[in-house]
Amino acid sequence: MSANNGVIEKYLRTEKLPHIWCPGCGNGIVLNSLIRAIDNAGMEQEKTVVISGIGCSGRASGYLKFNAFQPVHGRVLAYATGIKLYKPELNVICIMGDGDCASIGGNHLIHAARRNIGVTAVVLNNNNYGMTGGQYSPTTPENAMTRTSPFGHIEPPFDICKLAETSGATYVARSHTYKPRILTKYFQKALAHNGFALVEAMCDCPTLYGRLNKRGTGKEMLIKQKERAVQLEKAKEMSTEELEDKFVVGEFVNKVKPEYTEQYDRIIEQVQMEGF
């Protein structure tokens, strides 16, 4: 058995394969990068919980050999917070789509980041609600075509990494599925981080978003990702016009700050010592 197959056999429920994702979808690449990061980090499977939301990305937890949970739409980080508070020693990984994370789940995102609770958020951003028909999401670019914006999308999109950073996340990074090894590196750093860590993975939906916006095949969309991605340092020197239809990649935040469950445990110890 090759090293590649060893990782697959160790972490994936192969009896659940083939997966349900469309040809050209980036979700499989993201999942592959994630399990390699988990393997590199040496995380214990029995001490790891994977929570995934509703949407195309939601199926990820069902393919993984971990304690897994799939709550209702938008509530991944709420359940993750409860699990981490109950058993802080667990590794808690949240897999969400851009709609699940930033729309109905947006409030949970900003408060999980604000608290700096030690969970890892993996956001698969394909710029639309792929599973339910291709409606626009909070990250759909302006002027893009979707099932619910057939004449062009007029709302400005969220920048999920900026939102997480502004809300208080202590590790924030973004890459894309053309660069799976970079994704693995960021995932590994996020998993090791003591605090709220978010990694956004830009990935494609050729079946709906790509077709409606005439972006070509899955392969062509993947190559286009490479052309659209701009490194953080280079982006600082570019104008707003030059960054149009592009996305910035890199590490945006990596800092040390007290983690929420550790502070909570200290309060409990203090209260017990003082006899309350």
C-alpha atoms as a PDB file:
ATOM      1  CA  MET A   1       0.000   0.000   0.000  1.00  0.00           C
ATOM      2  CA  SER A   2       1.380   3.411  -0.941  1.00  0.00           C
ATOM      3  CA  ALA A   3       1.641   6.273   1.528  1.00  0.00           C
ATOM      4  CA  ASN A   4      -1.177   7.979  -0.390  1.00  0.00           C
ATOM      5  CA  ASN A   5      -3.493   4.991   0.012  1.00  0.00           C
ATOM      6  CA  GLY A   6      -2.455   4.652   3.643  1.00  0.00           C
ATOM      7  CA  VAL A   7      -3.817   8.106   4.442  1.00  0.00           C
ATOM      8  CA  ILE A   8      -7.005   7.384   2.506  1.00  0.00           C
ATOM      9  CA  GLU A   9      -7.609   4.073   4.273  1.00  0.00           C
ATOM     10  CA  LYS A  10      -6.824   5.562   7.665  1.00  0.00           C
ATOM     11  CA  TYR A  11      -9.099   8.579   7.529  1.00  0.00           C
ATOM     12  CA  LEU A  12     -11.810   7.946   4.930  1.00  0.00           C
ATOM     13  CA  ARG A  13     -14.818   5.640   5.136  1.00  0.00           C
ATOM     14  CA  THR A  14     -14.080   4.003   1.798  1.00  0.00           C
ATOM     15  CA  GLU A  15     -17.350   2.069   1.949  1.00  0.00           C
ATOM     16  CA  LYS A  16     -19.109   5.438   1.496  1.00  0.00           C
ATOM     17  CA  LEU A  17     -17.260   6.111  -1.767  1.00  0.00           C
ATOM     18  CA  PRO A  18     -17.653   7.147  -4.540  1.00  0.00           C
ATOM     19  CA  HIS A  19     -18.608  10.552  -3.171  1.00  0.00           C
ATOM     20  CA  ILE A  20     -21.621  12.564  -4.294  1.00  0.00           C
ATOM     21  CA  TRP A  21     -19.711  15.699  -5.357  1.00  0.00           C
ATOM     22  CA  CYS A  22     -19.882  16.749  -9.002  1.00  0.00           C
ATOM     23  CA  PRO A  23     -16.944  16.288 -11.410  1.00  0.00           C
ATOM     24  CA  GLY A  24     -14.695  19.322 -11.096  1.00  0.00           C
ATOM     25  CA  CYS A  25     -15.971  20.284  -7.634  1.00  0.00           C
ATOM     26  CA  GLY A  26     -13.153  21.417  -5.344  1.00  0.00           C
ATOM     27  CA  ASN A  27     -14.563  19.822  -2.185  1.00  0.00           C
ATOM     28  CA  GLY A  28     -12.643  16.575  -2.666  1.00  0.00           C
ATOM     29  CA  ILE A  29      -9.345  18.437  -3.005  1.00  0.00           C
ATOM     30  CA  VAL A  30     -10.038  20.355   0.212  1.00  0.00           C
ATOM     31  CA  LEU A  31     -10.925  17.143   2.065  1.00  0.00           C
ATOM     32  CA  ASN A  32      -7.743  15.494   0.780  1.00  0.00           C
ATOM     33  CA  SER A  33      -5.649  18.447   1.995  1.00  0.00           C
ATOM     34  CA  LEU A  34      -7.379  18.364   5.375  1.00  0.00           C
ATOM     35  CA  ILE A  35      -6.747  14.678   6.093  1.00  0.00           C
ATOM     36  CA  ARG A  36      -3.082  15.101   5.150  1.00  0.00           C
ATOM     37  CA  ALA A  37      -2.814  18.005   7.582  1.00  0.00           C
ATOM     38  CA  ILE A  38      -4.448  15.900  10.289  1.00  0.00           C
ATOM     39  CA  ASP A  39      -2.025  13.060   9.567  1.00  0.00           C
ATOM     40  CA  ASN A  40       0.987  15.404   9.578  1.00  0.00           C
ATOM     41  CA  ALA A  41      -0.177  16.861  12.887  1.00  0.00           C
ATOM     42  CA  GLY A  42      -0.396  13.379  14.440  1.00  0.00           C
ATOM     43  CA  MET A  43      -3.853  14.042  15.851  1.00  0.00           C
ATOM     44  CA  GLU A  44      -5.556  11.154  17.642  1.00  0.00           C
ATOM     45  CA  GLN A  45      -8.716  10.113  15.804  1.00  0.00           C
ATOM     46  CA  GLU A  46     -10.572   9.168  18.988  1.00  0.00           C
ATOM     47  CA  LYS A  47      -9.935  12.668  20.378  1.00  0.00           C
ATOM     48  CA  THR A  48     -11.043  14.481  17.238  1.00  0.00           C
ATOM     49  CA  VAL A  49     -14.567  15.633  16.397  1.00  0.00           C
ATOM     50  CA  VAL A  50     -15.598  16.770  12.911  1.00  0.00           C
ATOM     51  CA  ILE A  51     -18.736  18.854  12.567  1.00  0.00           C
ATOM     52  CA  SER A  52     -20.073  19.763   9.139  1.00  0.00           C
ATOM     53  CA  GLY A  53     -22.978  21.928   8.104  1.00  0.00           C
ATOM     54  CA  ILE A  54     -25.719  21.694   5.512  1.00  0.00           C
ATOM     55  CA  GLY A  55     -24.816  22.061   1.847  1.00  0.00           C
ATOM     56  CA  CYS A  56     -22.396  20.384  -0.533  1.00  0.00           C
ATOM     57  CA  SER A  57     -19.598  20.582   2.057  1.00  0.00           C
ATOM     58  CA  GLY A  58     -21.841  19.000   4.688  1.00  0.00           C
ATOM     59  CA  ARG A  59     -21.223  15.507   3.377  1.00  0.00           C
ATOM     60  CA  ALA A  60     -17.546  15.728   4.368  1.00  0.00           C
ATOM     61  CA  SER A  61     -18.077  14.527   7.942  1.00  0.00           C
ATOM     62  CA  GLY A  62     -19.815  11.398   6.635  1.00  0.00           C
ATOM     63  CA  TYR A  63     -16.735  10.381   4.678  1.00  0.00           C
ATOM     64  CA  LEU A  64     -14.316  10.811   7.589  1.00  0.00           C
ATOM     65  CA  LYS A  65     -13.391   8.224  10.243  1.00  0.00           C
ATOM     66  CA  PHE A  66     -13.846  10.501  13.227  1.00  0.00           C
ATOM     67  CA  ASN A  67     -16.506  11.221  15.779  1.00  0.00           C
ATOM     68  CA  ALA A  68     -18.774  13.236  13.526  1.00  0.00           C
ATOM     69  CA  PHE A  69     -21.844  15.401  13.830  1.00  0.00           C
ATOM     70  CA  GLN A  70     -24.045  17.302  11.395  1.00  0.00           C
ATOM     71  CA  PRO A  71     -26.272  19.944  13.012  1.00  0.00           C
ATOM     72  CA  VAL A  72     -28.934  22.090  11.377  1.00  0.00           C
ATOM     73  CA  HIS A  73     -28.036  24.757   8.833  1.00  0.00           C
ATOM     74  CA  GLY A  74     -25.726  27.496  10.124  1.00  0.00           C
ATOM     75  CA  ARG A  75     -25.235  26.066  13.614  1.00  0.00           C
ATOM     76  CA  VAL A  76     -21.873  24.317  13.199  1.00  0.00           C
ATOM     77  CA  LEU A  77     -19.925  26.773  15.354  1.00  0.00           C
ATOM     78  CA  ALA A  78     -22.631  26.880  18.008  1.00  0.00           C
ATOM     79  CA  TYR A  79     -22.439  23.114  18.476  1.00  0.00           C
ATOM     80  CA  ALA A  80     -18.637  23.226  18.246  1.00  0.00           C
ATOM     81  CA  THR A  81     -18.567  25.769  21.077  1.00  0.00           C
ATOM     82  CA  GLY A  82     -20.660  23.476  23.272  1.00  0.00           C
ATOM     83  CA  ILE A  83     -18.495  20.431  22.541  1.00  0.00           C
ATOM     84  CA  LYS A  84     -15.247  22.329  23.177  1.00  0.00           C
ATOM     85  CA  LEU A  85     -16.543  23.761  26.457  1.00  0.00           C
ATOM     86  CA  TYR A  86     -17.674  20.337  27.645  1.00  0.00           C
ATOM     87  CA  LYS A  87     -14.444  18.572  26.670  1.00  0.00           C
ATOM     88  CA  PRO A  88     -11.673  21.127  26.004  1.00  0.00           C
ATOM     89  CA  GLU A  89      -9.158  18.339  25.371  1.00  0.00           C
ATOM     90  CA  LEU A  90     -10.892  17.401  22.107  1.00  0.00           C
ATOM     91  CA  ASN A  91      -9.748  18.579  18.693  1.00  0.00           C
ATOM     92  CA  VAL A  92     -12.830  20.183  17.139  1.00  0.00           C
ATOM     93  CA  ILE A  93     -12.875  20.726  13.371  1.00  0.00           C
ATOM     94  CA  CYS A  94     -15.736  22.562  11.659  1.00  0.00           C
ATOM     95  CA  ILE A  95     -16.334  22.151   7.921  1.00  0.00           C
ATOM     96  CA  MET A  96     -18.680  24.733   6.410  1.00  0.00           C
ATOM     97  CA  GLY A  97     -19.679  26.213   3.091  1.00  0.00           C
ATOM     98  CA  ASP A  98     -19.687  29.951   2.470  1.00  0.00           C
ATOM     99  CA  GLY A  99     -23.475  30.132   2.806  1.00  0.00           C
ATOM    100  CA  ASP A 100     -23.611  27.937   5.910  1.00  0.00           C
ATOM    101  CA  CYS A 101     -20.814  29.919   7.564  1.00  0.00           C
ATOM    102  CA  ALA A 102     -21.492  33.527   6.599  1.00  0.00           C
ATOM    103  CA  SER A 103     -25.257  33.718   6.075  1.00  0.00           C
ATOM    104  CA  ILE A 104     -27.474  31.906   8.590  1.00  0.00           C
ATOM    105  CA  GLY A 105     -24.323  31.022  10.560  1.00  0.00           C
ATOM    106  CA  GLY A 106     -22.724  34.460  10.363  1.00  0.00           C
ATOM    107  CA  ASN A 107     -23.615  35.441  13.908  1.00  0.00           C
ATOM    108  CA  HIS A 108     -22.025  32.264  15.270  1.00  0.00           C
ATOM    109  CA  LEU A 109     -18.893  32.970  13.229  1.00  0.00           C
ATOM    110  CA  ILE A 110     -18.292  36.425  14.648  1.00  0.00           C
ATOM    111  CA  HIS A 111     -18.893  35.305  18.235  1.00  0.00           C
ATOM    112  CA  ALA A 112     -16.729  32.177  17.999  1.00  0.00           C
ATOM    113  CA  ALA A 113     -13.956  34.415  16.657  1.00  0.00           C
ATOM    114  CA  ARG A 114     -14.622  37.070  19.301  1.00  0.00           C
ATOM    115  CA  ARG A 115     -14.332  34.508  22.097  1.00  0.00           C
ATOM    116  CA  ASN A 116     -11.201  32.964  20.574  1.00  0.00           C
ATOM    117  CA  ILE A 117     -12.471  29.487  21.343  1.00  0.00           C
ATOM    118  CA  GLY A 118     -10.042  26.775  20.257  1.00  0.00           C
ATOM    119  CA  VAL A 119     -11.776  25.241  17.255  1.00  0.00           C
ATOM    120  CA  THR A 120     -10.650  25.019  13.629  1.00  0.00           C
ATOM    121  CA  ALA A 121     -13.039  26.403  11.014  1.00  0.00           C
ATOM    122  CA  VAL A 122     -12.601  25.161   7.445  1.00  0.00           C
ATOM    123  CA  VAL A 123     -14.670  27.220   5.000  1.00  0.00           C
ATOM    124  CA  LEU A 124     -15.214  25.889   1.473  1.00  0.00           C
ATOM    125  CA  ASN A 125     -16.096  28.936  -0.606  1.00  0.00           C
ATOM    126  CA  ASN A 126     -17.633  28.229  -4.024  1.00  0.00           C
ATOM    127  CA  ASN A 127     -19.523  31.551  -4.215  1.00  0.00           C
ATOM    128  CA  ASN A 128     -23.027  30.063  -4.256  1.00  0.00           C
ATOM    129  CA  TYR A 129     -25.457  27.650  -2.633  1.00  0.00           C
ATOM    130  CA  GLY A 130     -24.535  24.679  -4.788  1.00  0.00           C
ATOM    131  CA  MET A 131     -26.594  21.919  -3.203  1.00  0.00           C
ATOM    132  CA  THR A 132     -29.953  23.667  -3.360  1.00  0.00           C
ATOM    133  CA  GLY A 133     -29.785  24.937  -6.920  1.00  0.00           C
ATOM    134  CA  GLY A 134     -27.184  27.671  -7.270  1.00  0.00           C
ATOM    135  CA  GLN A 135     -28.693  30.638  -5.421  1.00  0.00           C
ATOM    136  CA  TYR A 136     -26.443  33.559  -4.533  1.00  0.00           C
ATOM    137  CA  SER A 137     -24.602  33.407  -1.212  1.00  0.00           C
ATOM    138  CA  PRO A 138     -22.932  36.059   1.010  1.00  0.00           C
ATOM    139  CA  THR A 139     -19.715  35.639  -1.023  1.00  0.00           C
ATOM    140  CA  THR A 140     -21.177  35.793  -4.533  1.00  0.00           C
ATOM    141  CA  PRO A 141     -19.306  38.509  -6.465  1.00  0.00           C
ATOM    142  CA  GLU A 142     -21.164  41.544  -7.729  1.00  0.00           C
ATOM    143  CA  ASN A 143     -22.624  41.153 -11.243  1.00  0.00           C
ATOM    144  CA  ALA A 144     -22.367  37.350 -11.070  1.00  0.00           C
ATOM    145  CA  MET A 145     -25.206  35.220 -12.420  1.00  0.00           C
ATOM    146  CA  THR A 146     -26.971  32.805 -10.088  1.00  0.00           C
ATOM    147  CA  ARG A 147     -30.396  31.156  -9.974  1.00  0.00           C
ATOM    148  CA  THR A 148     -31.646  33.990  -7.783  1.00  0.00           C
ATOM    149  CA  SER A 149     -29.809  36.784  -9.597  1.00  0.00           C
ATOM    150  CA  PRO A 150     -30.454  35.980 -13.277  1.00  0.00           C
ATOM    151  CA  PHE A 151     -29.780  39.603 -14.290  1.00  0.00           C
ATOM    152  CA  GLY A 152     -26.611  39.966 -12.229  1.00  0.00           C
ATOM    153  CA  HIS A 153     -25.950  40.038  -8.494  1.00  0.00           C
ATOM    154  CA  ILE A 154     -26.136  43.545  -6.966  1.00  0.00           C
ATOM    155  CA  GLU A 155     -25.036  42.898  -3.361  1.00  0.00           C
ATOM    156  CA  PRO A 156     -21.382  43.381  -2.304  1.00  0.00           C
ATOM    157  CA  PRO A 157     -19.855  40.130  -1.026  1.00  0.00           C
ATOM    158  CA  PHE A 158     -18.435  39.369   2.385  1.00  0.00           C
ATOM    159  CA  ASP A 159     -14.687  38.815   2.662  1.00  0.00           C
ATOM    160  CA  ILE A 160     -14.819  35.925   5.134  1.00  0.00           C
ATOM    161  CA  CYS A 161     -11.179  36.273   6.180  1.00  0.00           C
ATOM    162  CA  LYS A 162     -11.567  39.992   6.890  1.00  0.00           C
ATOM    163  CA  LEU A 163     -14.766  39.269   8.800  1.00  0.00           C
ATOM    164  CA  ALA A 164     -13.020  36.653  10.950  1.00  0.00           C
ATOM    165  CA  GLU A 165      -9.999  38.887  11.519  1.00  0.00           C
ATOM    166  CA  THR A 166     -12.111  41.888  12.508  1.00  0.00           C
ATOM    167  CA  SER A 167     -14.154  39.707  14.867  1.00  0.00           C
ATOM    168  CA  GLY A 168     -11.060  38.558  16.765  1.00  0.00           C
ATOM    169  CA  ALA A 169      -9.868  35.299  15.191  1.00  0.00           C
ATOM    170  CA  THR A 170      -6.229  34.633  16.071  1.00  0.00           C
ATOM    171  CA  TYR A 171      -5.338  32.543  13.003  1.00  0.00           C
ATOM    172  CA  VAL A 172      -6.738  33.381   9.561  1.00  0.00           C
ATOM    173  CA  ALA A 173      -5.519  32.164   6.173  1.00  0.00           C
ATOM    174  CA  ARG A 174      -6.780  31.611   2.637  1.00  0.00           C
ATOM    175  CA  SER A 175      -5.662  29.490  -0.283  1.00  0.00           C
ATOM    176  CA  HIS A 176      -7.340  27.627  -3.150  1.00  0.00           C
ATOM    177  CA  THR A 177      -7.711  24.183  -4.662  1.00  0.00           C
ATOM    178  CA  TYR A 178      -5.087  24.742  -7.370  1.00  0.00           C
ATOM    179  CA  LYS A 179      -2.561  24.787  -4.490  1.00  0.00           C
ATOM    180  CA  PRO A 180      -3.530  21.795  -2.303  1.00  0.00           C
ATOM    181  CA  ARG A 181      -0.132  21.630  -0.587  1.00  0.00           C
ATOM    182  CA  ILE A 182      -0.520  25.231   0.572  1.00  0.00           C
ATOM    183  CA  LEU A 183      -3.976  24.366   1.869  1.00  0.00           C
ATOM    184  CA  THR A 184      -2.465  21.441   3.785  1.00  0.00           C
ATOM    185  CA  LYS A 185       0.163  23.748   5.312  1.00  0.00           C
ATOM    186  CA  TYR A 186      -2.455  26.257   6.448  1.00  0.00           C
ATOM    187  CA  PHE A 187      -4.729  23.519   7.796  1.00  0.00           C
ATOM    188  CA  GLN A 188      -1.849  22.043   9.788  1.00  0.00           C
ATOM    189  CA  LYS A 189      -1.003  25.429  11.300  1.00  0.00           C
ATOM    190  CA  ALA A 190      -4.655  26.042  12.101  1.00  0.00           C
ATOM    191  CA  LEU A 191      -4.997  22.651  13.803  1.00  0.00           C
ATOM    192  CA  ALA A 192      -1.963  23.385  15.990  1.00  0.00           C
ATOM    193  CA  HIS A 193      -3.153  26.889  16.868  1.00  0.00           C
ATOM    194  CA  ASN A 194      -4.425  27.514  20.401  1.00  0.00           C
ATOM    195  CA  GLY A 195      -7.433  29.688  19.662  1.00  0.00           C
ATOM    196  CA  PHE A 196     -10.019  30.275  16.972  1.00  0.00           C
ATOM    197  CA  ALA A 197      -8.473  29.413  13.598  1.00  0.00           C
ATOM    198  CA  LEU A 198     -10.138  29.861  10.216  1.00  0.00           C
ATOM    199  CA  VAL A 199      -8.870  28.722   6.830  1.00  0.00           C
ATOM    200  CA  GLU A 200     -10.863  29.670   3.752  1.00  0.00           C
ATOM    201  CA  ALA A 201     -10.454  27.351   0.769  1.00  0.00           C
ATOM    202  CA  MET A 202     -11.529  28.904  -2.520  1.00  0.00           C
ATOM    203  CA  CYS A 203     -13.050  26.110  -4.586  1.00  0.00           C
ATOM    204  CA  ASP A 204     -15.170  25.827  -7.706  1.00  0.00           C
ATOM    205  CA  CYS A 205     -18.724  24.820  -8.536  1.00  0.00           C
ATOM    206  CA  PRO A 206     -18.612  24.116 -12.278  1.00  0.00           C
ATOM    207  CA  THR A 207     -22.067  22.530 -12.405  1.00  0.00           C
ATOM    208  CA  LEU A 208     -23.962  25.656 -11.352  1.00  0.00           C
ATOM    209  CA  TYR A 209     -21.902  28.788 -10.706  1.00  0.00           C
ATOM    210  CA  GLY A 210     -19.385  28.018 -13.422  1.00  0.00           C
ATOM    211  CA  ARG A 211     -21.978  27.167 -16.046  1.00  0.00           C
ATOM    212  CA  LEU A 212     -24.177  30.185 -15.304  1.00  0.00           C
ATOM    213  CA  ASN A 213     -21.161  32.508 -15.499  1.00  0.00           C
ATOM    214  CA  LYS A 214     -19.607  30.818 -18.544  1.00  0.00           C
ATOM    215  CA  ARG A 215     -16.421  29.946 -16.643  1.00  0.00           C
ATOM    216  CA  GLY A 216     -15.750  26.795 -18.655  1.00  0.00           C
ATOM    217  CA  THR A 217     -15.042  23.258 -17.473  1.00  0.00           C
ATOM    218  CA  GLY A 218     -13.900  22.253 -14.014  1.00  0.00           C
ATOM    219  CA  LYS A 219     -10.334  22.056 -15.303  1.00  0.00           C
ATOM    220  CA  GLU A 220     -10.567  25.516 -16.858  1.00  0.00           C
ATOM    221  CA  MET A 221     -12.002  26.950 -13.639  1.00  0.00           C
ATOM    222  CA  LEU A 222      -9.151  25.402 -11.653  1.00  0.00           C
ATOM    223  CA  ILE A 223      -6.548  27.001 -13.906  1.00  0.00           C
ATOM    224  CA  LYS A 224      -8.407  30.301 -13.626  1.00  0.00           C
ATOM    225  CA  GLN A 225      -8.005  30.093  -9.835  1.00  0.00           C
ATOM    226  CA  LYS A 226      -4.245  30.215 -10.265  1.00  0.00           C
ATOM    227  CA  GLU A 227      -4.577  33.319 -12.448  1.00  0.00           C
ATOM    228  CA  ARG A 228      -6.962  35.086 -10.067  1.00  0.00           C
ATOM    229  CA  ALA A 229      -5.044  34.397  -6.844  1.00  0.00           C
ATOM    230  CA  VAL A 230      -2.810  37.229  -5.607  1.00  0.00           C
ATOM    231  CA  GLN A 231      -0.295  36.852  -2.795  1.00  0.00           C
ATOM    232  CA  LEU A 232      -0.906  39.094   0.213  1.00  0.00           C
ATOM    233  CA  GLU A 233       2.310  41.106  -0.101  1.00  0.00           C
ATOM    234  CA  LYS A 234       1.726  41.777  -3.792  1.00  0.00           C
ATOM    235  CA  ALA A 235      -1.899  42.748  -3.157  1.00  0.00           C
ATOM    236  CA  LYS A 236      -0.778  45.541  -0.833  1.00  0.00           C
ATOM    237  CA  GLU A 237       0.826  47.266  -3.831  1.00  0.00           C
ATOM    238  CA  MET A 238      -2.191  46.877  -6.132  1.00  0.00           C
ATOM    239  CA  SER A 239      -5.127  49.226  -6.649  1.00  0.00           C
ATOM    240  CA  THR A 240      -8.779  48.331  -6.155  1.00  0.00           C
ATOM    241  CA  GLU A 241      -9.209  48.227  -9.929  1.00  0.00           C
ATOM    242  CA  GLU A 242      -6.243  45.860 -10.338  1.00  0.00           C
ATOM    243  CA  LEU A 243      -7.702  43.509  -7.705  1.00  0.00           C
ATOM    244  CA  GLU A 244     -11.079  43.306  -9.415  1.00  0.00           C
ATOM    245  CA  ASP A 245     -12.120  39.669 -10.054  1.00  0.00           C
ATOM    246  CA  LYS A 246      -9.144  38.487  -8.018  1.00  0.00           C
ATOM    247  CA  PHE A 247      -8.787  37.125  -4.481  1.00  0.00           C
ATOM    248  CA  VAL A 248      -5.954  37.570  -1.997  1.00  0.00           C
ATOM    249  CA  VAL A 249      -4.230  34.510  -0.560  1.00  0.00           C
ATOM    250  CA  GLY A 250      -1.874  34.052   2.365  1.00  0.00           C
ATOM    251  CA  GLU A 251      -1.784  34.206   6.152  1.00  0.00           C
ATOM    252  CA  PHE A 252      -3.667  37.243   7.398  1.00  0.00           C
ATOM    253  CA  VAL A 253      -3.449  36.665  11.171  1.00  0.00           C
ATOM    254  CA  ASN A 254      -1.283  34.492  13.397  1.00  0.00           C
ATOM    255  CA  LYS A 255      -1.104  35.775  16.938  1.00  0.00           C
ATOM    256  CA  VAL A 256      -1.195  34.578  20.541  1.00  0.00           C
ATOM    257  CA  LYS A 257      -4.135  35.458  22.755  1.00  0.00           C
ATOM    258  CA  PRO A 258      -5.777  33.671  25.740  1.00  0.00           C
ATOM    259  CA  GLU A 259      -8.001  30.832  24.566  1.00  0.00           C
ATOM    260  CA  TYR A 260     -11.607  30.820  25.789  1.00  0.00           C
ATOM    261  CA  THR A 261     -11.906  27.412  27.470  1.00  0.00           C
ATOM    262  CA  GLU A 262      -8.621  27.932  29.334  1.00  0.00           C
ATOM    263  CA  GLN A 263      -9.915  31.225  30.718  1.00  0.00           C
ATOM    264  CA  TYR A 264     -13.203  29.556  31.622  1.00  0.00           C
ATOM    265  CA  ASP A 265     -11.397  26.774  33.508  1.00  0.00           C
ATOM    266  CA  ARG A 266      -9.389  29.356  35.456  1.00  0.00           C
ATOM    267  CA  ILE A 267     -12.603  31.040  36.594  1.00  0.00           C
ATOM    268  CA  ILE A 268     -13.967  27.684  37.772  1.00  0.00           C
ATOM    269  CA  GLU A 269     -10.774  26.986  39.750  1.00  0.00           C
ATOM    270  CA  GLN A 270     -10.865  30.430  41.303  1.00  0.00           C
ATOM    271  CA  VAL A 271     -14.494  30.068  42.346  1.00  0.00           C
ATOM    272  CA  GLN A 272     -13.835  26.629  43.856  1.00  0.00           C
ATOM    273  CA  MET A 273     -10.799  27.917  45.778  1.00  0.00           C
ATOM    274  CA  GLU A 274     -12.752  30.821  47.201  1.00  0.00           C
ATOM    275  CA  GLY A 275     -15.595  28.563  48.278  1.00  0.00           C
ATOM    276  CA  PHE A 276     -18.454  30.069  46.321  1.00  0.00           C
END
